[in-house]
C-alpha cells in the first residue's frame, strides 16, 4: 500500500436521495479509492484502504459532516449561475 502518498478528497454538491439531502464523498490515494455518503458517514465502496483506514475515514466524515455539507451547498449555488 502507498500510505506515504497524498490523499485527495472530493465531494458532490447536495443531492436528493430518498427524500433526504445527501453528499457523495470520494477519497483517492494512488490507485486506492473509497466512496462514502453523508449524512450516514459510511464508506460504501472501498478498494485498497485497510479496515483501520476506513474507520479513520468514517471518523473524519463524522467530525467534518457540517463543514462538508456547507461546502457542498456552495457547489449548488455555483451551478445556479450557469
N, C-alpha and C. Protein backbone atom coordinates (compact mmCIF):
# COMPACT_ATOMS: atom_id res chain seq x y z
N UNK A 1 0.83 -1.18 0.00
CA UNK A 1 0.00 0.00 0.00
C UNK A 1 0.87 1.24 0.00
N UNK A 2 0.33 2.31 -0.52
CA UNK A 2 1.09 3.54 -0.68
C UNK A 2 0.69 4.56 0.37
N UNK A 3 0.91 4.26 1.63
CA UNK A 3 0.45 5.11 2.71
C UNK A 3 1.15 6.46 2.74
N UNK A 4 2.31 6.58 2.09
CA UNK A 4 3.01 7.85 2.10
C UNK A 4 2.55 8.78 0.97
N UNK A 5 1.67 8.30 0.08
CA UNK A 5 1.15 9.13 -0.99
C UNK A 5 0.10 10.08 -0.45
N UNK A 6 -0.05 11.21 -1.13
CA UNK A 6 -1.05 12.20 -0.75
C UNK A 6 -2.45 11.66 -1.01
N UNK A 7 -3.36 11.95 -0.08
CA UNK A 7 -4.75 11.53 -0.25
C UNK A 7 -5.56 12.76 -0.66
N UNK A 8 -6.45 12.56 -1.64
CA UNK A 8 -7.35 13.61 -2.10
C UNK A 8 -8.77 13.26 -1.69
N UNK A 9 -9.52 14.28 -1.29
CA UNK A 9 -10.93 14.09 -1.01
C UNK A 9 -11.71 15.03 -1.92
N UNK A 10 -12.69 14.49 -2.61
CA UNK A 10 -13.60 15.31 -3.41
C UNK A 10 -15.02 14.98 -2.99
N UNK A 11 -15.94 15.89 -3.29
CA UNK A 11 -17.34 15.63 -2.93
C UNK A 11 -18.27 16.29 -3.93
N UNK A 12 -19.47 15.82 -3.96
CA UNK A 12 -20.51 16.36 -4.84
C UNK A 12 -21.14 17.58 -4.19
N UNK A 13 -22.06 18.17 -4.93
CA UNK A 13 -22.96 19.14 -4.34
C UNK A 13 -24.01 18.37 -3.55
N UNK A 14 -25.00 19.07 -3.07
CA UNK A 14 -26.07 18.40 -2.31
C UNK A 14 -27.00 17.69 -3.30
N UNK A 15 -27.25 16.43 -3.01
CA UNK A 15 -28.10 15.59 -3.84
C UNK A 15 -29.35 15.22 -3.06
N UNK A 16 -30.40 14.83 -3.78
CA UNK A 16 -31.60 14.32 -3.12
C UNK A 16 -31.56 12.80 -3.21
N UNK A 17 -31.60 12.14 -2.06
CA UNK A 17 -31.54 10.68 -2.02
C UNK A 17 -32.61 10.20 -1.04
N UNK A 18 -33.60 9.49 -1.56
CA UNK A 18 -34.71 9.00 -0.74
C UNK A 18 -35.39 10.13 0.03
N UNK A 19 -35.54 11.28 -0.63
CA UNK A 19 -36.19 12.42 0.00
C UNK A 19 -35.36 13.16 1.02
N UNK A 20 -34.09 12.82 1.13
CA UNK A 20 -33.18 13.47 2.10
C UNK A 20 -32.01 14.09 1.37
N UNK A 21 -31.42 15.08 2.02
CA UNK A 21 -30.20 15.68 1.47
C UNK A 21 -29.04 14.72 1.67
N UNK A 22 -28.20 14.62 0.66
CA UNK A 22 -27.07 13.70 0.71
C UNK A 22 -25.89 14.31 -0.03
N UNK A 23 -24.69 13.89 0.34
CA UNK A 23 -23.47 14.30 -0.35
C UNK A 23 -22.63 13.05 -0.58
N UNK A 24 -22.13 12.90 -1.81
CA UNK A 24 -21.22 11.79 -2.11
C UNK A 24 -19.79 12.28 -1.92
N UNK A 25 -18.98 11.47 -1.25
CA UNK A 25 -17.59 11.83 -0.95
C UNK A 25 -16.68 10.73 -1.49
N UNK A 26 -15.54 11.14 -2.04
CA UNK A 26 -14.59 10.18 -2.61
C UNK A 26 -13.20 10.50 -2.09
N UNK A 27 -12.51 9.48 -1.59
CA UNK A 27 -11.12 9.59 -1.15
C UNK A 27 -10.26 8.82 -2.14
N UNK A 28 -9.16 9.42 -2.58
CA UNK A 28 -8.25 8.77 -3.51
C UNK A 28 -6.81 8.90 -3.01
N UNK A 29 -6.08 7.80 -3.11
CA UNK A 29 -4.66 7.78 -2.76
C UNK A 29 -4.01 6.82 -3.74
N UNK A 30 -3.34 7.36 -4.75
CA UNK A 30 -2.80 6.49 -5.79
C UNK A 30 -3.94 5.73 -6.44
N UNK A 31 -3.86 4.40 -6.44
CA UNK A 31 -4.94 3.59 -7.02
C UNK A 31 -5.98 3.17 -5.98
N UNK A 32 -5.80 3.58 -4.73
CA UNK A 32 -6.77 3.28 -3.67
C UNK A 32 -7.93 4.26 -3.74
N UNK A 33 -9.15 3.75 -3.63
CA UNK A 33 -10.34 4.59 -3.72
C UNK A 33 -11.35 4.14 -2.68
N UNK A 34 -11.95 5.11 -1.99
CA UNK A 34 -13.05 4.83 -1.06
C UNK A 34 -14.15 5.85 -1.34
N UNK A 35 -15.39 5.37 -1.41
CA UNK A 35 -16.52 6.26 -1.63
C UNK A 35 -17.46 6.16 -0.43
N UNK A 36 -17.99 7.32 -0.03
CA UNK A 36 -18.84 7.38 1.15
C UNK A 36 -20.02 8.31 0.89
N UNK A 37 -21.00 8.26 1.78
CA UNK A 37 -22.13 9.17 1.69
C UNK A 37 -22.33 9.87 3.03
N UNK A 38 -22.81 11.09 2.93
CA UNK A 38 -23.22 11.86 4.09
C UNK A 38 -24.72 12.03 4.00
N UNK A 39 -25.46 12.05 5.04
CA UNK A 39 -25.04 12.20 6.43
C UNK A 39 -24.69 10.89 7.13
N UNK A 40 -24.77 9.76 6.44
CA UNK A 40 -24.52 8.47 7.08
C UNK A 40 -23.08 8.32 7.58
N UNK A 41 -22.14 8.99 6.90
CA UNK A 41 -20.71 8.92 7.26
C UNK A 41 -20.21 7.48 7.17
N UNK A 42 -20.65 6.77 6.17
CA UNK A 42 -20.25 5.37 5.98
C UNK A 42 -19.59 5.20 4.62
N UNK A 43 -18.49 4.46 4.60
CA UNK A 43 -17.84 4.10 3.35
C UNK A 43 -18.68 3.00 2.72
N UNK A 44 -19.11 3.23 1.48
CA UNK A 44 -19.97 2.26 0.80
C UNK A 44 -19.22 1.46 -0.25
N UNK A 45 -18.04 1.96 -0.65
CA UNK A 45 -17.21 1.26 -1.63
C UNK A 45 -15.76 1.49 -1.25
N UNK A 46 -14.96 0.44 -1.25
CA UNK A 46 -13.56 0.55 -0.85
C UNK A 46 -12.70 -0.35 -1.72
N UNK A 47 -11.63 0.21 -2.21
CA UNK A 47 -10.65 -0.57 -2.95
C UNK A 47 -9.25 -0.11 -2.53
N UNK A 48 -8.63 -0.87 -1.66
CA UNK A 48 -7.25 -0.61 -1.30
C UNK A 48 -7.00 -0.03 0.09
N UNK A 49 -8.01 0.49 0.75
CA UNK A 49 -7.82 1.00 2.10
C UNK A 49 -8.03 -0.13 3.11
N UNK A 50 -7.24 -0.15 4.16
CA UNK A 50 -7.40 -1.17 5.21
C UNK A 50 -8.65 -0.88 6.04
N UNK A 51 -9.10 -1.87 6.81
CA UNK A 51 -10.26 -1.69 7.68
C UNK A 51 -10.01 -0.55 8.67
N UNK A 52 -8.80 -0.46 9.19
CA UNK A 52 -8.45 0.61 10.12
C UNK A 52 -8.53 1.98 9.44
N UNK A 53 -8.05 2.05 8.21
CA UNK A 53 -8.11 3.31 7.47
C UNK A 53 -9.56 3.71 7.18
N UNK A 54 -10.41 2.73 6.84
CA UNK A 54 -11.82 3.01 6.59
C UNK A 54 -12.46 3.57 7.86
N UNK A 55 -12.15 3.01 9.01
CA UNK A 55 -12.66 3.55 10.27
C UNK A 55 -12.23 5.00 10.47
N UNK A 56 -10.98 5.28 10.12
CA UNK A 56 -10.46 6.64 10.23
C UNK A 56 -11.18 7.60 9.29
N UNK A 57 -11.46 7.14 8.07
CA UNK A 57 -12.19 7.98 7.11
C UNK A 57 -13.60 8.26 7.61
N UNK A 58 -14.26 7.24 8.15
CA UNK A 58 -15.61 7.42 8.67
C UNK A 58 -15.62 8.36 9.87
N UNK A 59 -14.63 8.26 10.71
CA UNK A 59 -14.50 9.15 11.86
C UNK A 59 -14.29 10.59 11.38
N UNK A 60 -13.44 10.76 10.39
CA UNK A 60 -13.21 12.08 9.80
C UNK A 60 -14.51 12.66 9.26
N UNK A 61 -15.29 11.85 8.55
CA UNK A 61 -16.55 12.31 7.99
C UNK A 61 -17.53 12.75 9.09
N UNK A 62 -17.56 12.02 10.19
CA UNK A 62 -18.44 12.40 11.30
C UNK A 62 -18.04 13.76 11.87
N UNK A 63 -16.73 13.97 12.02
CA UNK A 63 -16.24 15.22 12.58
C UNK A 63 -16.45 16.40 11.64
N UNK A 64 -16.35 16.15 10.34
CA UNK A 64 -16.40 17.23 9.35
C UNK A 64 -17.72 17.29 8.59
N UNK A 65 -18.73 16.55 9.04
CA UNK A 65 -20.01 16.46 8.35
C UNK A 65 -20.59 17.84 8.03
N UNK A 66 -20.69 18.71 9.00
CA UNK A 66 -21.28 20.03 8.80
C UNK A 66 -20.47 20.86 7.80
N UNK A 67 -19.16 20.82 7.92
CA UNK A 67 -18.30 21.60 7.02
C UNK A 67 -18.42 21.10 5.59
N UNK A 68 -18.46 19.78 5.39
CA UNK A 68 -18.57 19.23 4.04
C UNK A 68 -19.94 19.59 3.45
N UNK A 69 -21.00 19.50 4.25
CA UNK A 69 -22.32 19.91 3.76
C UNK A 69 -22.32 21.38 3.36
N UNK A 70 -21.67 22.24 4.13
CA UNK A 70 -21.61 23.66 3.80
C UNK A 70 -20.89 23.88 2.48
N UNK A 71 -19.80 23.18 2.27
CA UNK A 71 -19.07 23.31 1.00
C UNK A 71 -19.87 22.73 -0.15
N UNK A 72 -20.61 21.65 0.09
CA UNK A 72 -21.45 21.07 -0.96
C UNK A 72 -22.55 22.04 -1.35
N UNK A 73 -23.07 22.78 -0.38
CA UNK A 73 -24.11 23.77 -0.66
C UNK A 73 -23.55 24.87 -1.57
N UNK A 74 -22.29 25.25 -1.37
CA UNK A 74 -21.65 26.25 -2.23
C UNK A 74 -21.59 25.77 -3.68
N UNK A 75 -21.33 24.49 -3.88
CA UNK A 75 -21.29 23.94 -5.24
C UNK A 75 -22.65 24.11 -5.89
N UNK A 76 -23.72 23.85 -5.16
CA UNK A 76 -25.06 24.00 -5.72
C UNK A 76 -25.33 25.45 -6.12
N UNK A 77 -24.87 26.42 -5.33
CA UNK A 77 -25.07 27.83 -5.67
C UNK A 77 -24.31 28.19 -6.93
N UNK A 78 -23.11 27.70 -7.10
CA UNK A 78 -22.32 27.98 -8.30
C UNK A 78 -23.02 27.40 -9.52
N UNK A 79 -23.58 26.22 -9.39
CA UNK A 79 -24.29 25.59 -10.50
C UNK A 79 -25.46 26.46 -10.98
N UNK A 80 -26.09 27.18 -10.08
CA UNK A 80 -27.23 28.02 -10.44
C UNK A 80 -26.83 29.22 -11.29
N UNK A 81 -25.55 29.58 -11.31
CA UNK A 81 -25.09 30.69 -12.13
C UNK A 81 -25.17 30.36 -13.62
N UNK A 82 -25.07 29.07 -13.95
CA UNK A 82 -24.99 28.68 -15.36
C UNK A 82 -26.31 28.36 -15.92
